[in-house]
Amino acid sequence: MDEVLQQLQELKQLAVLGAKNVLNMDDVCLLAGFSKSHLYKLVWSKKIPYYKSEGGKMTYFNKQEVENWLLAYRVPTEAELEQKAIAHCVTNDRKGARR
């Protein structure tokens, strides 16, 4: 029963998260699936974009910036790599034939 209540609470948090543009540490952990300690390390090393409150005690994130950061390092599919290799071979064959 406790597990069901916990899952309902997480669903509620996700629903609220969808409407927010400014996120706190807990929100980003939920959005990205990070542990809080991992997010602290990313902030400390300035590897994730963030904002500080005027006094510097609170850390905030722009939701769109976090989502863009999460999607910044796309890994191509096998089909995309194959297409790129074919295009490279065709381009290099043409250059070699002109010589």
N, C-alpha and C. Protein backbone atom coordinates (compact mmCIF):
# COMPACT_ATOMS: atom_id res chain seq x y z
N MET A 1 0.82 -1.20 0.00
CA MET A 1 0.00 0.00 0.00
C MET A 1 0.86 1.26 0.00
N ASP A 2 1.95 1.24 0.79
CA ASP A 2 2.85 2.40 0.84
C ASP A 2 3.48 2.65 -0.52
N GLU A 3 3.79 1.57 -1.24
CA GLU A 3 4.39 1.71 -2.56
C GLU A 3 3.42 2.37 -3.53
N VAL A 4 2.16 2.03 -3.46
CA VAL A 4 1.14 2.63 -4.33
C VAL A 4 1.00 4.12 -4.02
N LEU A 5 0.99 4.46 -2.73
CA LEU A 5 0.90 5.88 -2.35
C LEU A 5 2.12 6.66 -2.82
N GLN A 6 3.29 6.04 -2.74
CA GLN A 6 4.51 6.69 -3.21
C GLN A 6 4.45 6.92 -4.72
N GLN A 7 3.97 5.94 -5.46
CA GLN A 7 3.85 6.09 -6.91
C GLN A 7 2.83 7.18 -7.27
N LEU A 8 1.72 7.26 -6.53
CA LEU A 8 0.74 8.31 -6.76
C LEU A 8 1.34 9.68 -6.48
N GLN A 9 2.15 9.78 -5.44
CA GLN A 9 2.81 11.05 -5.11
C GLN A 9 3.78 11.45 -6.23
N GLU A 10 4.52 10.50 -6.76
CA GLU A 10 5.44 10.79 -7.86
C GLU A 10 4.69 11.22 -9.11
N LEU A 11 3.56 10.59 -9.39
CA LEU A 11 2.74 11.00 -10.54
C LEU A 11 2.22 12.42 -10.37
N LYS A 12 1.82 12.74 -9.15
CA LYS A 12 1.34 14.09 -8.86
C LYS A 12 2.47 15.10 -9.07
N GLN A 13 3.67 14.76 -8.60
CA GLN A 13 4.82 15.65 -8.77
C GLN A 13 5.14 15.83 -10.25
N LEU A 14 5.06 14.78 -11.03
CA LEU A 14 5.32 14.87 -12.47
C LEU A 14 4.29 15.75 -13.16
N ALA A 15 3.04 15.66 -12.74
CA ALA A 15 1.99 16.50 -13.32
C ALA A 15 2.26 17.96 -13.03
N VAL A 16 2.65 18.27 -11.81
CA VAL A 16 2.97 19.65 -11.44
C VAL A 16 4.22 20.10 -12.18
N LEU A 17 5.17 19.23 -12.32
CA LEU A 17 6.43 19.54 -13.00
C LEU A 17 6.18 19.95 -14.46
N GLY A 18 5.18 19.35 -15.08
CA GLY A 18 4.86 19.69 -16.47
C GLY A 18 4.43 21.12 -16.65
N ALA A 19 3.88 21.73 -15.62
CA ALA A 19 3.39 23.11 -15.71
C ALA A 19 4.43 24.14 -15.28
N LYS A 20 5.53 23.71 -14.70
CA LYS A 20 6.54 24.63 -14.19
C LYS A 20 7.60 24.96 -15.23
N ASN A 21 8.09 26.20 -15.22
CA ASN A 21 9.21 26.59 -16.07
C ASN A 21 10.49 26.78 -15.27
N VAL A 22 10.35 27.13 -14.00
CA VAL A 22 11.49 27.30 -13.11
C VAL A 22 11.48 26.13 -12.14
N LEU A 23 12.60 25.41 -12.10
CA LEU A 23 12.68 24.18 -11.31
C LEU A 23 13.66 24.34 -10.16
N ASN A 24 13.42 23.60 -9.09
CA ASN A 24 14.39 23.54 -7.99
C ASN A 24 15.16 22.22 -8.11
N MET A 25 16.03 21.97 -7.15
CA MET A 25 16.88 20.76 -7.20
C MET A 25 16.03 19.49 -7.24
N ASP A 26 15.01 19.41 -6.41
CA ASP A 26 14.16 18.21 -6.38
C ASP A 26 13.46 17.99 -7.72
N ASP A 27 13.00 19.09 -8.32
CA ASP A 27 12.32 18.99 -9.61
C ASP A 27 13.25 18.42 -10.68
N VAL A 28 14.48 18.92 -10.72
CA VAL A 28 15.44 18.46 -11.73
C VAL A 28 15.80 16.99 -11.49
N CYS A 29 15.95 16.61 -10.24
CA CYS A 29 16.22 15.20 -9.93
C CYS A 29 15.09 14.32 -10.45
N LEU A 30 13.87 14.75 -10.26
CA LEU A 30 12.72 13.99 -10.73
C LEU A 30 12.66 13.97 -12.25
N LEU A 31 12.88 15.12 -12.87
CA LEU A 31 12.82 15.23 -14.33
C LEU A 31 13.89 14.38 -15.00
N ALA A 32 15.11 14.47 -14.49
CA ALA A 32 16.24 13.82 -15.14
C ALA A 32 16.55 12.42 -14.60
N GLY A 33 16.01 12.10 -13.45
CA GLY A 33 16.30 10.80 -12.85
C GLY A 33 17.65 10.77 -12.15
N PHE A 34 18.15 11.94 -11.76
CA PHE A 34 19.43 12.04 -11.06
C PHE A 34 19.23 11.89 -9.56
N SER A 35 20.26 11.42 -8.88
CA SER A 35 20.26 11.52 -7.43
C SER A 35 20.61 12.96 -7.08
N LYS A 36 20.27 13.36 -5.88
CA LYS A 36 20.56 14.74 -5.47
C LYS A 36 22.07 14.97 -5.41
N SER A 37 22.82 13.98 -4.98
CA SER A 37 24.27 14.15 -4.89
C SER A 37 24.88 14.31 -6.29
N HIS A 38 24.36 13.60 -7.27
CA HIS A 38 24.86 13.74 -8.63
C HIS A 38 24.56 15.13 -9.18
N LEU A 39 23.36 15.63 -8.91
CA LEU A 39 23.01 16.97 -9.37
C LEU A 39 23.87 18.01 -8.68
N TYR A 40 24.14 17.86 -7.40
CA TYR A 40 25.04 18.78 -6.70
C TYR A 40 26.41 18.80 -7.37
N LYS A 41 26.92 17.63 -7.75
CA LYS A 41 28.22 17.56 -8.43
C LYS A 41 28.18 18.27 -9.77
N LEU A 42 27.09 18.12 -10.52
CA LEU A 42 26.97 18.79 -11.81
C LEU A 42 26.93 20.31 -11.63
N VAL A 43 26.23 20.77 -10.60
CA VAL A 43 26.16 22.21 -10.32
C VAL A 43 27.53 22.71 -9.87
N TRP A 44 28.14 22.02 -8.94
CA TRP A 44 29.44 22.42 -8.41
C TRP A 44 30.49 22.54 -9.51
N SER A 45 30.46 21.60 -10.46
CA SER A 45 31.45 21.61 -11.54
C SER A 45 30.99 22.45 -12.73
N LYS A 46 29.84 23.11 -12.59
CA LYS A 46 29.27 23.99 -13.62
C LYS A 46 29.09 23.26 -14.95
N LYS A 47 28.57 22.04 -14.88
CA LYS A 47 28.32 21.23 -16.08
C LYS A 47 26.87 21.28 -16.51
N ILE A 48 26.01 21.88 -15.70
CA ILE A 48 24.60 22.02 -16.02
C ILE A 48 24.24 23.49 -15.81
N PRO A 49 23.44 24.07 -16.71
CA PRO A 49 23.08 25.48 -16.52
C PRO A 49 22.14 25.66 -15.33
N TYR A 50 22.44 26.67 -14.50
CA TYR A 50 21.61 26.92 -13.32
C TYR A 50 21.66 28.39 -12.94
N TYR A 51 20.80 28.77 -12.00
CA TYR A 51 20.71 30.13 -11.50
C TYR A 51 20.74 30.09 -9.98
N LYS A 52 21.24 31.15 -9.37
CA LYS A 52 21.26 31.26 -7.92
C LYS A 52 20.32 32.38 -7.50
N SER A 53 19.73 32.24 -6.32
CA SER A 53 18.89 33.31 -5.78
C SER A 53 19.78 34.48 -5.39
N GLU A 54 19.18 35.61 -5.11
CA GLU A 54 19.94 36.82 -4.81
C GLU A 54 20.94 36.61 -3.68
N GLY A 55 20.53 35.93 -2.64
CA GLY A 55 21.44 35.65 -1.52
C GLY A 55 22.38 34.49 -1.79
N GLY A 56 22.13 33.74 -2.85
CA GLY A 56 22.99 32.63 -3.22
C GLY A 56 22.67 31.32 -2.54
N LYS A 57 21.60 31.28 -1.75
CA LYS A 57 21.28 30.04 -1.02
C LYS A 57 20.50 29.04 -1.86
N MET A 58 19.64 29.54 -2.74
CA MET A 58 18.78 28.66 -3.53
C MET A 58 19.34 28.50 -4.94
N THR A 59 19.18 27.31 -5.48
CA THR A 59 19.60 27.02 -6.85
C THR A 59 18.36 26.71 -7.66
N TYR A 60 18.26 27.36 -8.81
CA TYR A 60 17.12 27.18 -9.70
C TYR A 60 17.58 26.82 -11.09
N PHE A 61 16.68 26.22 -11.85
CA PHE A 61 16.98 25.79 -13.21
C PHE A 61 15.85 26.20 -14.13
N ASN A 62 16.20 26.55 -15.36
CA ASN A 62 15.21 26.80 -16.40
C ASN A 62 14.89 25.45 -17.02
N LYS A 63 13.63 25.08 -17.01
CA LYS A 63 13.23 23.75 -17.47
C LYS A 63 13.70 23.48 -18.91
N GLN A 64 13.51 24.46 -19.80
CA GLN A 64 13.89 24.27 -21.20
C GLN A 64 15.40 24.10 -21.34
N GLU A 65 16.18 24.85 -20.55
CA GLU A 65 17.64 24.71 -20.58
C GLU A 65 18.07 23.33 -20.10
N VAL A 66 17.42 22.83 -19.06
CA VAL A 66 17.75 21.49 -18.56
C VAL A 66 17.42 20.44 -19.61
N GLU A 67 16.24 20.55 -20.23
CA GLU A 67 15.87 19.59 -21.26
C GLU A 67 16.83 19.65 -22.45
N ASN A 68 17.21 20.86 -22.86
CA ASN A 68 18.19 21.00 -23.96
C ASN A 68 19.54 20.39 -23.56
N TRP A 69 19.95 20.62 -22.31
CA TRP A 69 21.21 20.07 -21.83
C TRP A 69 21.16 18.53 -21.82
N LEU A 70 20.03 17.99 -21.40
CA LEU A 70 19.89 16.53 -21.36
C LEU A 70 19.97 15.92 -22.77
N LEU A 71 19.51 16.66 -23.77
CA LEU A 71 19.46 16.15 -25.14
C LEU A 71 20.63 16.64 -26.00
N ALA A 72 21.63 17.24 -25.40
CA ALA A 72 22.73 17.84 -26.16
C ALA A 72 23.67 16.83 -26.80
N TYR A 73 23.80 15.67 -26.24
CA TYR A 73 24.79 14.70 -26.73
C TYR A 73 24.09 13.49 -27.33
N ARG A 74 23.53 13.70 -28.49
CA ARG A 74 22.78 12.65 -29.19
C ARG A 74 23.75 11.63 -29.80
N VAL A 75 23.41 10.38 -29.64
CA VAL A 75 24.19 9.30 -30.23
C VAL A 75 23.46 8.83 -31.49
N PRO A 76 24.15 8.85 -32.63
CA PRO A 76 23.48 8.47 -33.88
C PRO A 76 23.14 6.98 -33.90
N THR A 77 22.10 6.65 -34.66
CA THR A 77 21.71 5.25 -34.82
C THR A 77 22.66 4.56 -35.78
N GLU A 78 22.59 3.25 -35.81
CA GLU A 78 23.42 2.48 -36.76
C GLU A 78 23.11 2.89 -38.19
N ALA A 79 21.83 3.07 -38.50
CA ALA A 79 21.42 3.45 -39.86
C ALA A 79 22.00 4.81 -40.24
N GLU A 80 22.00 5.76 -39.31
CA GLU A 80 22.57 7.09 -39.58
C GLU A 80 24.07 6.99 -39.81
N LEU A 81 24.75 6.19 -39.02
CA LEU A 81 26.20 6.02 -39.19
C LEU A 81 26.51 5.36 -40.54
N GLU A 82 25.69 4.41 -40.91
CA GLU A 82 25.87 3.73 -42.19
C GLU A 82 25.68 4.71 -43.35
N GLN A 83 24.64 5.53 -43.27
CA GLN A 83 24.38 6.54 -44.31
C GLN A 83 25.56 7.51 -44.41
N LYS A 84 26.08 7.92 -43.28
CA LYS A 84 27.21 8.86 -43.26
C LYS A 84 28.45 8.21 -43.87
N ALA A 85 28.66 6.93 -43.58
CA ALA A 85 29.81 6.21 -44.14
C ALA A 85 29.67 6.09 -45.65
N ILE A 86 28.48 5.78 -46.13
CA ILE A 86 28.24 5.66 -47.57
C ILE A 86 28.48 7.01 -48.25
N ALA A 87 27.93 8.07 -47.66
CA ALA A 87 28.12 9.41 -48.23
C ALA A 87 29.60 9.78 -48.25
N HIS A 88 30.32 9.42 -47.23
CA HIS A 88 31.76 9.70 -47.17
C HIS A 88 32.50 8.95 -48.27
N CYS A 89 32.17 7.68 -48.44
CA CYS A 89 32.83 6.87 -49.47
C CYS A 89 32.53 7.41 -50.87
N VAL A 90 31.30 7.79 -51.11
CA VAL A 90 30.91 8.32 -52.42
C VAL A 90 31.65 9.63 -52.68
N THR A 91 31.71 10.49 -51.71
CA THR A 91 32.40 11.78 -51.85
C THR A 91 33.89 11.57 -52.10
N ASN A 92 34.50 10.67 -51.38
CA ASN A 92 35.93 10.42 -51.54
C ASN A 92 36.22 9.73 -52.85
N ASP A 93 35.34 8.87 -53.34
CA ASP A 93 35.53 8.21 -54.64
C ASP A 93 35.51 9.24 -55.75
N ARG A 94 34.62 10.19 -55.67
CA ARG A 94 34.51 11.24 -56.69
C ARG A 94 35.77 12.10 -56.72
N LYS A 95 36.29 12.43 -55.54
CA LYS A 95 37.51 13.23 -55.49
C LYS A 95 38.68 12.48 -56.09
N GLY A 96 38.75 11.18 -55.78
CA GLY A 96 39.84 10.36 -56.32
C GLY A 96 39.73 10.18 -57.81
N ALA A 97 38.53 10.11 -58.37
CA ALA A 97 38.34 9.93 -59.82
C ALA A 97 38.71 11.17 -60.59
N ARG A 98 38.65 12.33 -60.00
CA ARG A 98 38.97 13.58 -60.68
C ARG A 98 40.47 13.79 -60.83
N ARG A 99 41.25 13.16 -60.04
CA ARG A 99 42.70 13.37 -60.06
C ARG A 99 43.32 12.81 -61.26
